[in-house]
């Protein structure tokens, strides 16, 4: 999955769908239904 495009090209970019959305390990859908209940991400501490 390297994002469509003309002709053959290899890598050089993160794996993307033909529409340029990141794939492979990247979450592509947002969980809108429960977003309002999440006040603070639990994983924020690890990132800093």
PDB file of N, CA and C in Angstrom:
ATOM      1  N   UNK A   1       0.830  -1.205   0.000  1.00  0.00           N
ATOM      2  CA  UNK A   1       0.000   0.000   0.000  1.00  0.00           C
ATOM      3  C   UNK A   1       0.863   1.252   0.000  1.00  0.00           C
ATOM      4  N   UNK A   2       1.175   1.752  -1.150  1.00  0.00           N
ATOM      5  CA  UNK A   2       2.032   2.934  -1.196  1.00  0.00           C
ATOM      6  C   UNK A   2       1.380   4.061  -1.962  1.00  0.00           C
ATOM      7  N   UNK A   3       0.081   4.102  -1.973  1.00  0.00           N
ATOM      8  CA  UNK A   3      -0.591   5.312  -2.406  1.00  0.00           C
ATOM      9  C   UNK A   3      -0.737   5.516  -3.892  1.00  0.00           C
ATOM     10  N   UNK A   4      -1.152   4.494  -4.631  1.00  0.00           N
ATOM     11  CA  UNK A   4      -1.508   4.702  -6.029  1.00  0.00           C
ATOM     12  C   UNK A   4      -0.455   5.460  -6.821  1.00  0.00           C
ATOM     13  N   UNK A   5      -0.879   6.435  -7.569  1.00  0.00           N
ATOM     14  CA  UNK A   5       0.059   7.256  -8.332  1.00  0.00           C
ATOM     15  C   UNK A   5       0.379   6.626  -9.677  1.00  0.00           C
ATOM     16  N   UNK A   6       1.048   7.371 -10.511  1.00  0.00           N
ATOM     17  CA  UNK A   6       1.332   6.897 -11.866  1.00  0.00           C
ATOM     18  C   UNK A   6       2.617   6.081 -11.875  1.00  0.00           C
ATOM     19  N   UNK A   7       2.636   5.046 -12.664  1.00  0.00           N
ATOM     20  CA  UNK A   7       3.850   4.277 -12.862  1.00  0.00           C
ATOM     21  C   UNK A   7       4.275   3.518 -11.626  1.00  0.00           C
ATOM     22  N   UNK A   8       5.477   2.942 -11.696  1.00  0.00           N
ATOM     23  CA  UNK A   8       5.980   2.129 -10.595  1.00  0.00           C
ATOM     24  C   UNK A   8       6.979   2.937  -9.795  1.00  0.00           C
ATOM     25  N   UNK A   9       6.725   3.044  -8.512  1.00  0.00           N
ATOM     26  CA  UNK A   9       7.715   3.652  -7.634  1.00  0.00           C
ATOM     27  C   UNK A   9       7.837   2.769  -6.420  1.00  0.00           C
ATOM     28  N   UNK A  10       9.017   2.707  -5.844  1.00  0.00           N
ATOM     29  CA  UNK A  10       9.194   1.912  -4.639  1.00  0.00           C
ATOM     30  C   UNK A  10       9.296   2.846  -3.458  1.00  0.00           C
ATOM     31  N   UNK A  11       8.848   2.358  -2.307  1.00  0.00           N
ATOM     32  CA  UNK A  11       8.947   3.015  -1.010  1.00  0.00           C
ATOM     33  C   UNK A  11       9.129   4.517  -0.994  1.00  0.00           C
ATOM     34  N   UNK A  12       9.941   4.965  -0.055  1.00  0.00           N
ATOM     35  CA  UNK A  12      10.244   6.371   0.045  1.00  0.00           C
ATOM     36  C   UNK A  12       9.146   7.165   0.720  1.00  0.00           C
ATOM     37  N   UNK A  13       8.179   6.479   1.303  1.00  0.00           N
ATOM     38  CA  UNK A  13       7.069   7.189   1.929  1.00  0.00           C
ATOM     39  C   UNK A  13       6.340   6.199   2.810  1.00  0.00           C
ATOM     40  N   UNK A  14       5.667   6.695   3.831  1.00  0.00           N
ATOM     41  CA  UNK A  14       4.947   5.788   4.715  1.00  0.00           C
ATOM     42  C   UNK A  14       3.881   5.051   3.924  1.00  0.00           C
ATOM     43  N   UNK A  15       3.561   3.817   4.330  1.00  0.00           N
ATOM     44  CA  UNK A  15       2.536   3.066   3.604  1.00  0.00           C
ATOM     45  C   UNK A  15       1.214   3.812   3.661  1.00  0.00           C
ATOM     46  N   UNK A  16       0.636   4.080   2.489  1.00  0.00           N
ATOM     47  CA  UNK A  16      -0.621   4.810   2.457  1.00  0.00           C
ATOM     48  C   UNK A  16      -1.594   4.104   1.535  1.00  0.00           C
ATOM     49  N   UNK A  17      -2.856   4.406   1.706  1.00  0.00           N
ATOM     50  CA  UNK A  17      -3.888   3.901   0.819  1.00  0.00           C
ATOM     51  C   UNK A  17      -3.802   4.667  -0.496  1.00  0.00           C
ATOM     52  N   UNK A  18      -4.527   4.229  -1.505  1.00  0.00           N
ATOM     53  CA  UNK A  18      -4.498   4.984  -2.767  1.00  0.00           C
ATOM     54  C   UNK A  18      -4.974   6.422  -2.615  1.00  0.00           C
ATOM     55  N   UNK A  19      -5.605   6.755  -1.501  1.00  0.00           N
ATOM     56  CA  UNK A  19      -6.098   8.121  -1.313  1.00  0.00           C
ATOM     57  C   UNK A  19      -5.165   8.921  -0.423  1.00  0.00           C
ATOM     58  N   UNK A  20      -4.034   8.323  -0.040  1.00  0.00           N
ATOM     59  CA  UNK A  20      -3.057   9.072   0.730  1.00  0.00           C
ATOM     60  C   UNK A  20      -3.269   9.013   2.225  1.00  0.00           C
ATOM     61  N   UNK A  21      -4.254   8.186   2.668  1.00  0.00           N
ATOM     62  CA  UNK A  21      -4.417   8.019   4.114  1.00  0.00           C
ATOM     63  C   UNK A  21      -3.391   7.011   4.614  1.00  0.00           C
ATOM     64  N   UNK A  22      -2.760   7.260   5.755  1.00  0.00           N
ATOM     65  CA  UNK A  22      -1.764   6.317   6.262  1.00  0.00           C
ATOM     66  C   UNK A  22      -2.394   4.968   6.596  1.00  0.00           C
ATOM     67  N   UNK A  23      -1.669   3.892   6.323  1.00  0.00           N
ATOM     68  CA  UNK A  23      -2.159   2.554   6.656  1.00  0.00           C
ATOM     69  C   UNK A  23      -1.098   1.836   7.465  1.00  0.00           C
ATOM     70  N   UNK A  24      -1.306   0.545   7.678  1.00  0.00           N
ATOM     71  CA  UNK A  24      -0.344  -0.319   8.365  1.00  0.00           C
ATOM     72  C   UNK A  24       0.004   0.210   9.743  1.00  0.00           C
ATOM     73  N   UNK A  25      -0.819  -0.099  10.707  1.00  0.00           N
ATOM     74  CA  UNK A  25      -0.517   0.247  12.087  1.00  0.00           C
ATOM     75  C   UNK A  25      -1.054   1.609  12.480  1.00  0.00           C
ATOM     76  N   UNK A  26      -1.467   2.400  11.505  1.00  0.00           N
ATOM     77  CA  UNK A  26      -2.043   3.701  11.835  1.00  0.00           C
ATOM     78  C   UNK A  26      -3.545   3.540  11.940  1.00  0.00           C
ATOM     79  N   UNK A  27      -4.148   4.086  12.987  1.00  0.00           N
ATOM     80  CA  UNK A  27      -5.599   3.988  13.115  1.00  0.00           C
ATOM     81  C   UNK A  27      -6.222   4.969  12.146  1.00  0.00           C
ATOM     82  N   UNK A  28      -7.122   4.459  11.320  1.00  0.00           N
ATOM     83  CA  UNK A  28      -7.679   5.311  10.275  1.00  0.00           C
ATOM     84  C   UNK A  28      -9.077   5.786  10.622  1.00  0.00           C
ATOM     85  N   UNK A  29      -9.710   5.157  11.593  1.00  0.00           N
ATOM     86  CA  UNK A  29     -11.066   5.570  11.946  1.00  0.00           C
ATOM     87  C   UNK A  29     -11.083   6.185  13.329  1.00  0.00           C
ATOM     88  N   UNK A  30     -11.844   7.245  13.465  1.00  0.00           N
ATOM     89  CA  UNK A  30     -11.973   7.855  14.785  1.00  0.00           C
ATOM     90  C   UNK A  30     -13.231   7.307  15.440  1.00  0.00           C
ATOM     91  N   UNK A  31     -13.163   7.048  16.748  1.00  0.00           N
ATOM     92  CA  UNK A  31     -14.340   6.551  17.437  1.00  0.00           C
ATOM     93  C   UNK A  31     -15.128   7.749  17.942  1.00  0.00           C
ATOM     94  N   UNK A  32     -16.025   8.225  17.062  1.00  0.00           N
ATOM     95  CA  UNK A  32     -16.747   9.451  17.371  1.00  0.00           C
ATOM     96  C   UNK A  32     -17.762   9.236  18.486  1.00  0.00           C
ATOM     97  N   UNK A  33     -18.307   8.015  18.559  1.00  0.00           N
ATOM     98  CA  UNK A  33     -19.415   7.788  19.485  1.00  0.00           C
ATOM     99  C   UNK A  33     -19.011   8.043  20.930  1.00  0.00           C
ATOM    100  N   UNK A  34     -17.797   7.640  21.292  1.00  0.00           N
ATOM    101  CA  UNK A  34     -17.404   7.725  22.698  1.00  0.00           C
ATOM    102  C   UNK A  34     -16.446   8.875  22.952  1.00  0.00           C
ATOM    103  N   UNK A  35     -16.207   9.696  21.933  1.00  0.00           N
ATOM    104  CA  UNK A  35     -15.240  10.777  22.117  1.00  0.00           C
ATOM    105  C   UNK A  35     -15.630  11.725  23.236  1.00  0.00           C
ATOM    106  N   UNK A  36     -16.930  11.933  23.406  1.00  0.00           N
ATOM    107  CA  UNK A  36     -17.352  12.948  24.377  1.00  0.00           C
ATOM    108  C   UNK A  36     -17.061  12.519  25.804  1.00  0.00           C
ATOM    109  N   UNK A  37     -16.880  11.213  26.015  1.00  0.00           N
ATOM    110  CA  UNK A  37     -16.632  10.746  27.381  1.00  0.00           C
ATOM    111  C   UNK A  37     -15.154  10.788  27.743  1.00  0.00           C
ATOM    112  N   UNK A  38     -14.296  10.881  26.739  1.00  0.00           N
ATOM    113  CA  UNK A  38     -12.861  10.860  27.015  1.00  0.00           C
ATOM    114  C   UNK A  38     -12.412  12.272  27.354  1.00  0.00           C
ATOM    115  N   UNK A  39     -12.051  12.468  28.613  1.00  0.00           N
ATOM    116  CA  UNK A  39     -11.655  13.798  29.053  1.00  0.00           C
ATOM    117  C   UNK A  39     -10.167  14.008  28.847  1.00  0.00           C
ATOM    118  N   UNK A  40      -9.374  12.957  29.083  1.00  0.00           N
ATOM    119  CA  UNK A  40      -7.926  13.101  28.979  1.00  0.00           C
ATOM    120  C   UNK A  40      -7.364  11.759  28.534  1.00  0.00           C
ATOM    121  N   UNK A  41      -6.514  11.784  27.549  1.00  0.00           N
ATOM    122  CA  UNK A  41      -5.969  10.532  27.049  1.00  0.00           C
ATOM    123  C   UNK A  41      -5.060   9.896  28.086  1.00  0.00           C
ATOM    124  N   UNK A  42      -5.176   8.598  28.272  1.00  0.00           N
ATOM    125  CA  UNK A  42      -4.347   7.917  29.256  1.00  0.00           C
ATOM    126  C   UNK A  42      -2.935   7.739  28.727  1.00  0.00           C
ATOM    127  N   UNK A  43      -2.760   7.866  27.419  1.00  0.00           N
ATOM    128  CA  UNK A  43      -1.461   7.570  26.840  1.00  0.00           C
ATOM    129  C   UNK A  43      -0.622   8.823  26.650  1.00  0.00           C
ATOM    130  N   UNK A  44      -1.147   9.952  27.077  1.00  0.00           N
ATOM    131  CA  UNK A  44      -0.428  11.202  26.848  1.00  0.00           C
ATOM    132  C   UNK A  44       0.875  11.239  27.631  1.00  0.00           C
ATOM    133  N   UNK A  45       0.844  10.643  28.848  1.00  0.00           N
ATOM    134  CA  UNK A  45       2.024  10.719  29.706  1.00  0.00           C
ATOM    135  C   UNK A  45       3.217  10.027  29.064  1.00  0.00           C
ATOM    136  N   UNK A  46       2.944   8.900  28.395  1.00  0.00           N
ATOM    137  CA  UNK A  46       4.043   8.128  27.822  1.00  0.00           C
ATOM    138  C   UNK A  46       4.711   8.892  26.691  1.00  0.00           C
ATOM    139  N   UNK A  47       3.929   9.699  25.986  1.00  0.00           N
ATOM    140  CA  UNK A  47       4.451  10.360  24.796  1.00  0.00           C
ATOM    141  C   UNK A  47       5.490  11.419  25.154  1.00  0.00           C
ATOM    142  N   UNK A  48       5.239  12.153  26.268  1.00  0.00           N
ATOM    143  CA  UNK A  48       6.160  13.237  26.599  1.00  0.00           C
ATOM    144  C   UNK A  48       7.523  12.708  27.021  1.00  0.00           C
TER     145      UNK A  48
END
